């Protein structure tokens, strides 16, 4: 828990492939089992957000990432998740750790998947969806 807070500190990675795909994982554990989300997880004691995100991305997706700018932070129950843009710099995409699946998705698949609550709206509000995706009103 963070000092002065009841929230568990967590991180998530926003990783685009090209201009039209976003990396998602299918959660194998609760919260959100069976739903699709950004890869990430808890910040361990003594870790920085960057260290935690590099570790979590490798564990859940097999990818080595460089962590970029902070996109935003959300509270999900007792978890406070700081999400960062990432760039893949190595590794091979494969689901691992608590991910049942990991894959890049385009706009149509993103709209059809069972996502964790508020993911689409949150990413839209942060301008964090891939640049070539149509605006929300065109996807309906």
N, C-alpha and C. Protein backbone atom coordinates (compact mmCIF):
# COMPACT_ATOMS: atom_id res chain seq x y z
N UNK A 1 0.84 -1.18 0.00
CA UNK A 1 0.00 0.00 0.00
C UNK A 1 0.88 1.24 0.00
N UNK A 2 0.42 2.26 -0.66
CA UNK A 2 1.18 3.49 -0.67
C UNK A 2 0.99 4.21 0.65
N UNK A 3 1.99 4.96 1.03
CA UNK A 3 1.93 5.68 2.29
C UNK A 3 0.78 6.68 2.25
N UNK A 4 -0.04 6.66 3.29
CA UNK A 4 -1.14 7.60 3.37
C UNK A 4 -2.32 7.23 2.48
N UNK A 5 -2.32 6.01 1.93
CA UNK A 5 -3.37 5.60 1.00
C UNK A 5 -3.77 4.16 1.28
N UNK A 6 -4.97 3.83 0.91
CA UNK A 6 -5.44 2.46 1.03
C UNK A 6 -5.35 1.74 -0.31
N UNK A 7 -4.75 2.34 -1.29
CA UNK A 7 -4.64 1.75 -2.62
C UNK A 7 -3.36 0.94 -2.79
N UNK A 8 -3.48 -0.16 -3.53
CA UNK A 8 -2.33 -0.97 -3.91
C UNK A 8 -1.75 -0.36 -5.19
N UNK A 9 -0.48 0.04 -5.18
CA UNK A 9 0.09 0.65 -6.39
C UNK A 9 0.33 -0.39 -7.48
N UNK A 10 -0.15 -0.05 -8.69
CA UNK A 10 -0.02 -0.92 -9.85
C UNK A 10 0.38 -0.08 -11.06
N UNK A 11 0.81 -0.78 -12.11
CA UNK A 11 1.18 -0.13 -13.36
C UNK A 11 0.55 -0.90 -14.52
N UNK A 12 0.37 -0.20 -15.64
CA UNK A 12 -0.12 -0.82 -16.86
C UNK A 12 0.61 -0.24 -18.05
N UNK A 13 0.70 -1.04 -19.11
CA UNK A 13 1.42 -0.61 -20.31
C UNK A 13 0.51 -0.43 -21.51
N UNK A 14 0.66 0.71 -22.17
CA UNK A 14 -0.06 1.00 -23.41
C UNK A 14 0.96 0.86 -24.53
N UNK A 15 0.79 -0.19 -25.33
CA UNK A 15 1.77 -0.52 -26.37
C UNK A 15 1.06 -0.63 -27.71
N UNK A 16 1.42 0.24 -28.64
CA UNK A 16 0.87 0.20 -29.99
C UNK A 16 1.86 -0.54 -30.89
N UNK A 17 1.31 -1.26 -31.86
CA UNK A 17 2.14 -1.81 -32.93
C UNK A 17 1.71 -1.09 -34.18
N UNK A 18 2.64 -0.34 -34.74
CA UNK A 18 2.29 0.49 -35.88
C UNK A 18 1.30 1.56 -35.45
N UNK A 19 0.44 1.93 -36.38
CA UNK A 19 -0.53 2.99 -36.11
C UNK A 19 -1.93 2.48 -35.86
N UNK A 20 -2.12 1.13 -35.92
CA UNK A 20 -3.49 0.63 -35.88
C UNK A 20 -3.74 -0.52 -34.92
N UNK A 21 -2.76 -0.91 -34.10
CA UNK A 21 -2.97 -2.03 -33.19
C UNK A 21 -2.54 -1.69 -31.77
N UNK A 22 -3.24 -2.31 -30.81
CA UNK A 22 -3.00 -2.11 -29.38
C UNK A 22 -2.80 -3.48 -28.74
N UNK A 23 -1.81 -3.60 -27.87
CA UNK A 23 -1.56 -4.84 -27.15
C UNK A 23 -2.52 -4.98 -25.97
N UNK A 24 -3.21 -6.11 -25.91
CA UNK A 24 -4.10 -6.42 -24.79
C UNK A 24 -3.80 -7.82 -24.29
N UNK A 25 -4.17 -8.06 -23.03
CA UNK A 25 -4.09 -9.40 -22.46
C UNK A 25 -5.47 -9.79 -21.96
N UNK A 26 -5.74 -11.10 -22.03
CA UNK A 26 -6.95 -11.62 -21.41
C UNK A 26 -6.59 -12.03 -20.00
N UNK A 27 -7.27 -11.49 -19.03
CA UNK A 27 -6.94 -11.74 -17.62
C UNK A 27 -7.31 -13.18 -17.25
N UNK A 28 -6.35 -13.89 -16.65
CA UNK A 28 -6.57 -15.27 -16.22
C UNK A 28 -6.98 -15.34 -14.76
N UNK A 29 -6.85 -14.22 -14.04
CA UNK A 29 -7.18 -14.19 -12.61
C UNK A 29 -8.07 -12.97 -12.32
N UNK A 30 -8.70 -13.00 -11.17
CA UNK A 30 -9.47 -11.84 -10.73
C UNK A 30 -8.54 -10.77 -10.19
N UNK A 31 -8.89 -9.51 -10.24
CA UNK A 31 -10.13 -9.00 -10.79
C UNK A 31 -10.12 -9.03 -12.33
N UNK A 32 -11.27 -9.23 -12.90
CA UNK A 32 -11.41 -9.15 -14.35
C UNK A 32 -11.15 -10.44 -15.11
N UNK A 33 -11.14 -11.58 -14.45
CA UNK A 33 -10.87 -12.86 -15.14
C UNK A 33 -11.77 -12.99 -16.37
N UNK A 34 -11.13 -13.36 -17.50
CA UNK A 34 -11.87 -13.55 -18.75
C UNK A 34 -12.11 -12.28 -19.54
N UNK A 35 -11.73 -11.16 -18.99
CA UNK A 35 -11.89 -9.87 -19.68
C UNK A 35 -10.53 -9.42 -20.21
N UNK A 36 -10.57 -8.53 -21.17
CA UNK A 36 -9.35 -8.04 -21.82
C UNK A 36 -8.96 -6.70 -21.24
N UNK A 37 -7.65 -6.52 -21.06
CA UNK A 37 -7.12 -5.34 -20.39
C UNK A 37 -5.73 -5.03 -20.92
N UNK A 38 -5.19 -3.94 -20.43
CA UNK A 38 -3.78 -3.64 -20.67
C UNK A 38 -2.95 -4.57 -19.80
N UNK A 39 -1.77 -4.97 -20.27
CA UNK A 39 -0.88 -5.75 -19.40
C UNK A 39 -0.34 -4.89 -18.28
N UNK A 40 -0.05 -5.52 -17.14
CA UNK A 40 0.51 -4.80 -16.00
C UNK A 40 0.26 -5.54 -14.72
N UNK A 41 0.55 -4.90 -13.61
CA UNK A 41 0.35 -5.52 -12.32
C UNK A 41 0.88 -4.67 -11.19
N UNK A 42 1.06 -5.30 -10.07
CA UNK A 42 1.47 -4.60 -8.83
C UNK A 42 2.92 -4.12 -8.88
N UNK A 43 3.11 -2.99 -8.23
CA UNK A 43 4.47 -2.48 -7.99
C UNK A 43 4.95 -3.13 -6.69
N UNK A 44 6.04 -3.86 -6.77
CA UNK A 44 6.59 -4.54 -5.59
C UNK A 44 7.32 -3.52 -4.70
N UNK A 45 7.42 -3.79 -3.40
CA UNK A 45 8.15 -2.88 -2.51
C UNK A 45 9.57 -2.62 -3.03
N UNK A 46 9.93 -1.35 -3.05
CA UNK A 46 11.27 -0.96 -3.49
C UNK A 46 11.39 -0.75 -5.00
N UNK A 47 10.37 -1.09 -5.77
CA UNK A 47 10.41 -0.90 -7.22
C UNK A 47 9.86 0.48 -7.59
N UNK A 48 10.42 1.03 -8.65
CA UNK A 48 9.83 2.23 -9.25
C UNK A 48 8.73 1.76 -10.21
N UNK A 49 7.90 2.68 -10.65
CA UNK A 49 6.88 2.33 -11.64
C UNK A 49 7.54 1.75 -12.90
N UNK A 50 8.62 2.36 -13.34
CA UNK A 50 9.30 1.89 -14.56
C UNK A 50 9.82 0.47 -14.37
N UNK A 51 10.47 0.19 -13.27
CA UNK A 51 10.98 -1.16 -13.01
C UNK A 51 9.84 -2.17 -12.96
N UNK A 52 8.75 -1.81 -12.29
CA UNK A 52 7.61 -2.72 -12.19
C UNK A 52 6.99 -2.98 -13.56
N UNK A 53 6.87 -1.95 -14.38
CA UNK A 53 6.24 -2.12 -15.68
C UNK A 53 7.11 -2.97 -16.61
N UNK A 54 8.40 -2.76 -16.59
CA UNK A 54 9.30 -3.60 -17.40
C UNK A 54 9.15 -5.06 -16.98
N UNK A 55 9.13 -5.32 -15.68
CA UNK A 55 8.99 -6.69 -15.17
C UNK A 55 7.65 -7.28 -15.54
N UNK A 56 6.57 -6.53 -15.30
CA UNK A 56 5.22 -7.03 -15.57
C UNK A 56 4.99 -7.29 -17.06
N UNK A 57 5.49 -6.42 -17.91
CA UNK A 57 5.32 -6.63 -19.36
C UNK A 57 6.04 -7.90 -19.80
N UNK A 58 7.23 -8.13 -19.27
CA UNK A 58 7.97 -9.36 -19.62
C UNK A 58 7.23 -10.59 -19.10
N UNK A 59 6.74 -10.52 -17.87
CA UNK A 59 6.04 -11.67 -17.28
C UNK A 59 4.74 -11.99 -18.00
N UNK A 60 3.97 -10.97 -18.36
CA UNK A 60 2.65 -11.21 -18.95
C UNK A 60 2.65 -11.36 -20.45
N UNK A 61 3.64 -10.77 -21.14
CA UNK A 61 3.59 -10.76 -22.61
C UNK A 61 4.85 -11.31 -23.27
N UNK A 62 5.92 -11.51 -22.52
CA UNK A 62 7.18 -11.95 -23.12
C UNK A 62 7.96 -10.84 -23.79
N UNK A 63 7.44 -9.61 -23.75
CA UNK A 63 8.09 -8.50 -24.44
C UNK A 63 8.97 -7.69 -23.49
N UNK A 64 10.08 -7.22 -24.03
CA UNK A 64 10.95 -6.28 -23.33
C UNK A 64 10.53 -4.90 -23.82
N UNK A 65 10.29 -3.99 -22.88
CA UNK A 65 9.79 -2.67 -23.26
C UNK A 65 10.65 -1.56 -22.71
N UNK A 66 10.60 -0.44 -23.42
CA UNK A 66 11.10 0.83 -22.92
C UNK A 66 9.86 1.62 -22.50
N UNK A 67 9.88 2.15 -21.29
CA UNK A 67 8.72 2.86 -20.75
C UNK A 67 8.83 4.33 -21.10
N UNK A 68 7.73 4.86 -21.62
CA UNK A 68 7.67 6.27 -22.00
C UNK A 68 6.86 7.09 -21.02
N UNK A 69 6.13 8.04 -21.55
CA UNK A 69 5.42 9.00 -20.70
C UNK A 69 4.20 8.39 -20.02
N UNK A 70 3.85 8.98 -18.90
CA UNK A 70 2.67 8.60 -18.13
C UNK A 70 1.44 9.05 -18.89
N UNK A 71 0.47 8.12 -19.09
CA UNK A 71 -0.76 8.45 -19.80
C UNK A 71 -1.85 8.92 -18.84
N UNK A 72 -1.92 8.27 -17.68
CA UNK A 72 -2.95 8.61 -16.70
C UNK A 72 -3.01 7.56 -15.62
N UNK A 73 -3.81 7.84 -14.60
CA UNK A 73 -3.95 6.93 -13.46
C UNK A 73 -5.43 6.71 -13.19
N UNK A 74 -5.78 5.45 -12.89
CA UNK A 74 -7.16 5.10 -12.56
C UNK A 74 -7.19 4.31 -11.26
N UNK A 75 -8.28 4.45 -10.53
CA UNK A 75 -8.52 3.62 -9.36
C UNK A 75 -9.52 2.55 -9.75
N UNK A 76 -9.14 1.30 -9.51
CA UNK A 76 -10.00 0.15 -9.80
C UNK A 76 -10.14 -0.62 -8.50
N UNK A 77 -11.23 -0.35 -7.80
CA UNK A 77 -11.37 -0.94 -6.47
C UNK A 77 -10.25 -0.47 -5.58
N UNK A 78 -9.51 -1.40 -5.00
CA UNK A 78 -8.41 -1.04 -4.11
C UNK A 78 -7.08 -0.82 -4.84
N UNK A 79 -7.11 -0.96 -6.16
CA UNK A 79 -5.88 -0.82 -6.95
C UNK A 79 -5.81 0.57 -7.59
N UNK A 80 -4.66 1.21 -7.50
CA UNK A 80 -4.40 2.48 -8.19
C UNK A 80 -3.39 2.17 -9.29
N UNK A 81 -3.86 2.28 -10.55
CA UNK A 81 -3.06 1.86 -11.70
C UNK A 81 -2.56 3.08 -12.45
N UNK A 82 -1.23 3.21 -12.52
CA UNK A 82 -0.59 4.25 -13.32
C UNK A 82 -0.22 3.63 -14.66
N UNK A 83 -0.81 4.14 -15.73
CA UNK A 83 -0.57 3.60 -17.07
C UNK A 83 0.42 4.46 -17.83
N UNK A 84 1.32 3.77 -18.54
CA UNK A 84 2.40 4.42 -19.29
C UNK A 84 2.44 3.91 -20.72
N UNK A 85 2.80 4.79 -21.63
CA UNK A 85 3.07 4.37 -23.00
C UNK A 85 4.38 3.59 -23.01
N UNK A 86 4.44 2.55 -23.83
CA UNK A 86 5.63 1.70 -23.92
C UNK A 86 5.98 1.47 -25.38
N UNK A 87 7.23 1.10 -25.60
CA UNK A 87 7.70 0.67 -26.91
C UNK A 87 8.37 -0.68 -26.74
N UNK A 88 8.03 -1.63 -27.60
CA UNK A 88 8.67 -2.95 -27.56
C UNK A 88 10.08 -2.82 -28.12
N UNK A 89 11.05 -3.34 -27.38
CA UNK A 89 12.45 -3.29 -27.82
C UNK A 89 13.06 -4.69 -27.91
N UNK A 90 12.27 -5.72 -27.62
CA UNK A 90 12.77 -7.09 -27.71
C UNK A 90 11.74 -8.07 -27.21
N UNK A 91 12.14 -9.34 -27.20
CA UNK A 91 11.26 -10.40 -26.73
C UNK A 91 10.34 -10.91 -27.83
N UNK A 92 9.55 -11.91 -27.48
CA UNK A 92 8.59 -12.52 -28.39
C UNK A 92 7.24 -12.57 -27.68
N UNK A 93 6.20 -12.09 -28.36
CA UNK A 93 4.88 -12.02 -27.75
C UNK A 93 4.36 -13.42 -27.42
N UNK A 94 4.05 -13.64 -26.15
CA UNK A 94 3.48 -14.89 -25.67
C UNK A 94 2.81 -14.62 -24.33
N UNK A 95 1.61 -15.15 -24.14
CA UNK A 95 0.91 -14.97 -22.86
C UNK A 95 1.67 -15.70 -21.76
N UNK A 96 1.79 -15.07 -20.62
CA UNK A 96 2.47 -15.69 -19.49
C UNK A 96 1.91 -15.16 -18.19
N UNK A 97 2.42 -15.67 -17.08
CA UNK A 97 2.04 -15.23 -15.74
C UNK A 97 0.53 -15.33 -15.58
N UNK A 98 -0.16 -14.23 -15.31
CA UNK A 98 -1.61 -14.30 -15.12
C UNK A 98 -2.40 -13.86 -16.35
N UNK A 99 -1.80 -13.98 -17.54
CA UNK A 99 -2.49 -13.68 -18.79
C UNK A 99 -2.87 -15.00 -19.48
N UNK A 100 -4.15 -15.15 -19.79
CA UNK A 100 -4.61 -16.33 -20.53
C UNK A 100 -4.28 -16.21 -22.01
N UNK A 101 -4.19 -14.98 -22.50
CA UNK A 101 -3.87 -14.72 -23.91
C UNK A 101 -3.27 -13.32 -23.98
N UNK A 102 -2.48 -13.09 -25.00
CA UNK A 102 -1.89 -11.77 -25.24
C UNK A 102 -1.83 -11.58 -26.75
N UNK A 103 -2.36 -10.46 -27.22
CA UNK A 103 -2.30 -10.21 -28.67
C UNK A 103 -2.54 -8.74 -28.98
N UNK A 104 -2.09 -8.38 -30.18
CA UNK A 104 -2.37 -7.06 -30.71
C UNK A 104 -3.75 -7.10 -31.36
N UNK A 105 -4.54 -6.06 -31.13
CA UNK A 105 -5.88 -6.00 -31.71
C UNK A 105 -6.06 -4.70 -32.48
N UNK A 106 -6.86 -4.77 -33.52
CA UNK A 106 -7.27 -3.60 -34.27
C UNK A 106 -8.54 -3.02 -33.69
N UNK A 107 -9.03 -1.96 -34.28
CA UNK A 107 -10.20 -1.25 -33.75
C UNK A 107 -11.45 -2.13 -33.70
N UNK A 108 -11.71 -2.91 -34.74
CA UNK A 108 -12.93 -3.73 -34.78
C UNK A 108 -12.90 -4.80 -33.70
N UNK A 109 -11.75 -5.46 -33.53
CA UNK A 109 -11.66 -6.50 -32.50
C UNK A 109 -11.75 -5.87 -31.11
N UNK A 110 -11.12 -4.74 -30.91
CA UNK A 110 -11.19 -4.04 -29.63
C UNK A 110 -12.64 -3.76 -29.26
N UNK A 111 -13.43 -3.30 -30.22
CA UNK A 111 -14.83 -2.97 -29.98
C UNK A 111 -15.66 -4.20 -29.66
N UNK A 112 -15.23 -5.39 -30.12
CA UNK A 112 -16.01 -6.61 -29.93
C UNK A 112 -15.61 -7.41 -28.69
N UNK A 113 -14.43 -7.18 -28.15
CA UNK A 113 -13.94 -7.97 -27.01
C UNK A 113 -14.63 -7.57 -25.71
N UNK A 114 -14.77 -8.54 -24.78
CA UNK A 114 -15.25 -8.19 -23.44
C UNK A 114 -14.10 -7.54 -22.66
N UNK A 115 -14.13 -6.24 -22.57
CA UNK A 115 -13.05 -5.47 -21.93
C UNK A 115 -13.33 -5.30 -20.44
N UNK A 116 -12.27 -5.05 -19.66
CA UNK A 116 -12.48 -4.67 -18.27
C UNK A 116 -13.24 -3.35 -18.27
N UNK A 117 -13.98 -3.14 -17.22
CA UNK A 117 -14.86 -1.98 -17.12
C UNK A 117 -14.11 -0.67 -17.35
N UNK A 118 -14.68 0.18 -18.18
CA UNK A 118 -14.22 1.55 -18.45
C UNK A 118 -12.92 1.64 -19.24
N UNK A 119 -12.35 0.52 -19.72
CA UNK A 119 -11.07 0.59 -20.43
C UNK A 119 -11.17 1.45 -21.68
N UNK A 120 -12.17 1.20 -22.51
CA UNK A 120 -12.28 1.95 -23.77
C UNK A 120 -12.44 3.45 -23.50
N UNK A 121 -13.33 3.81 -22.60
CA UNK A 121 -13.57 5.23 -22.31
C UNK A 121 -12.32 5.89 -21.72
N UNK A 122 -11.64 5.17 -20.85
CA UNK A 122 -10.43 5.73 -20.23
C UNK A 122 -9.35 5.97 -21.27
N UNK A 123 -9.09 4.99 -22.13
CA UNK A 123 -8.06 5.16 -23.16
C UNK A 123 -8.44 6.28 -24.12
N UNK A 124 -9.71 6.38 -24.47
CA UNK A 124 -10.15 7.49 -25.33
C UNK A 124 -9.90 8.83 -24.66
N UNK A 125 -10.22 8.93 -23.37
CA UNK A 125 -10.07 10.21 -22.66
C UNK A 125 -8.60 10.63 -22.56
N UNK A 126 -7.69 9.65 -22.60
CA UNK A 126 -6.25 9.94 -22.55
C UNK A 126 -5.64 10.08 -23.95
N UNK A 127 -6.44 9.97 -24.98
CA UNK A 127 -5.94 9.93 -26.37
C UNK A 127 -4.88 8.84 -26.52
N UNK A 128 -5.16 7.67 -25.95
CA UNK A 128 -4.18 6.58 -25.91
C UNK A 128 -4.50 5.43 -26.86
N UNK A 129 -5.55 5.56 -27.66
CA UNK A 129 -5.84 4.53 -28.65
C UNK A 129 -4.94 4.75 -29.86
N UNK A 130 -4.68 3.71 -30.65
CA UNK A 130 -3.82 3.88 -31.83
C UNK A 130 -4.32 5.02 -32.72
N UNK A 131 -3.39 5.76 -33.31
CA UNK A 131 -3.75 6.96 -34.06
C UNK A 131 -4.68 6.74 -35.25
N UNK A 132 -4.61 5.59 -35.89
CA UNK A 132 -5.44 5.36 -37.08
C UNK A 132 -6.83 4.82 -36.76
N UNK A 133 -7.15 4.62 -35.49
CA UNK A 133 -8.48 4.12 -35.15
C UNK A 133 -9.50 5.22 -35.37
N UNK A 134 -10.69 4.84 -35.86
CA UNK A 134 -11.73 5.86 -36.06
C UNK A 134 -12.24 6.39 -34.72
N UNK A 135 -12.77 7.59 -34.72
CA UNK A 135 -13.38 8.11 -33.50
C UNK A 135 -14.50 7.20 -33.02
N UNK A 136 -14.83 7.26 -31.76
CA UNK A 136 -15.83 6.37 -31.16
C UNK A 136 -17.15 6.37 -31.91
N UNK A 137 -17.60 7.52 -32.35
CA UNK A 137 -18.91 7.58 -33.02
C UNK A 137 -18.92 6.80 -34.33
N UNK A 138 -17.77 6.63 -34.99
CA UNK A 138 -17.70 5.87 -36.23
C UNK A 138 -17.66 4.37 -36.00
N UNK A 139 -17.40 3.92 -34.76
CA UNK A 139 -17.29 2.51 -34.46
C UNK A 139 -18.64 1.89 -34.11
N UNK A 140 -19.64 2.69 -33.89
CA UNK A 140 -20.93 2.16 -33.41
C UNK A 140 -21.74 1.58 -34.53
